[in-house]
Protein backbone atom coordinates (compact mmCIF):
# COMPACT_ATOMS: atom_id res chain seq x y z
CA UNK A 1 -26.37 -22.63 -12.60
CA UNK A 2 -28.88 -23.10 -9.90
CA UNK A 3 -30.12 -20.34 -7.66
CA UNK A 4 -29.51 -16.62 -7.90
CA UNK A 5 -26.20 -15.03 -8.71
CA UNK A 6 -24.78 -12.16 -6.73
CA UNK A 7 -22.40 -9.54 -8.00
CA UNK A 8 -19.37 -9.24 -5.70
CA UNK A 9 -17.88 -6.01 -7.10
CA UNK A 10 -18.55 -4.31 -3.78
CA UNK A 11 -15.93 -6.58 -2.22
CA UNK A 12 -13.18 -5.12 -4.38
CA UNK A 13 -11.61 -1.74 -3.82
CA UNK A 14 -10.06 0.22 -6.63
CA UNK A 15 -8.90 3.20 -4.57
CA UNK A 16 -5.14 3.56 -4.26
CA UNK A 17 -3.44 3.85 -0.89
CA UNK A 18 -2.29 7.33 -1.84
CA UNK A 19 -5.94 8.37 -2.10
CA UNK A 20 -6.92 6.66 1.15
CA UNK A 21 -4.29 8.16 3.45
CA UNK A 22 -4.68 11.90 4.13
CA UNK A 23 -1.76 14.15 3.16
CA UNK A 24 -0.82 15.05 6.73
CA UNK A 25 -1.33 11.61 8.30
CA UNK A 26 1.55 10.39 10.54
CA UNK A 27 2.02 7.34 8.30
CA UNK A 28 3.34 9.58 5.53
CA UNK A 29 6.15 10.85 7.78
CA UNK A 30 6.93 7.29 8.80
CA UNK A 31 7.04 6.24 5.14
CA UNK A 32 9.63 8.92 4.36
CA UNK A 33 11.78 7.75 7.29
CA UNK A 34 11.58 4.09 6.24
CA UNK A 35 12.37 4.88 2.60
CA UNK A 36 15.42 6.88 3.71
CA UNK A 37 16.65 4.07 5.97
CA UNK A 38 16.14 1.43 3.28
CA UNK A 39 17.99 3.58 0.75
CA UNK A 40 21.04 3.60 3.02
CA UNK A 41 20.92 -0.20 3.09
CA UNK A 42 21.09 -0.67 -0.70
CA UNK A 43 24.58 -2.16 -0.61
CA UNK A 44 23.57 -4.73 2.00
CA UNK A 45 20.55 -5.72 -0.09
CA UNK A 46 22.64 -6.04 -3.23
CA UNK A 47 25.10 -8.29 -1.38
CA UNK A 48 22.30 -10.69 -0.53
């Protein structure tokens, strides 16, 4: 190869979303609501 090589590991993130979002962040409440709603729609999803 010509020229210098650069390591691009800094571009990748290996931290899970669970670690990134604080415990009491509003997104967590929204996630529980969405999961509950989607669970009630299981039969509709299975039909598709």
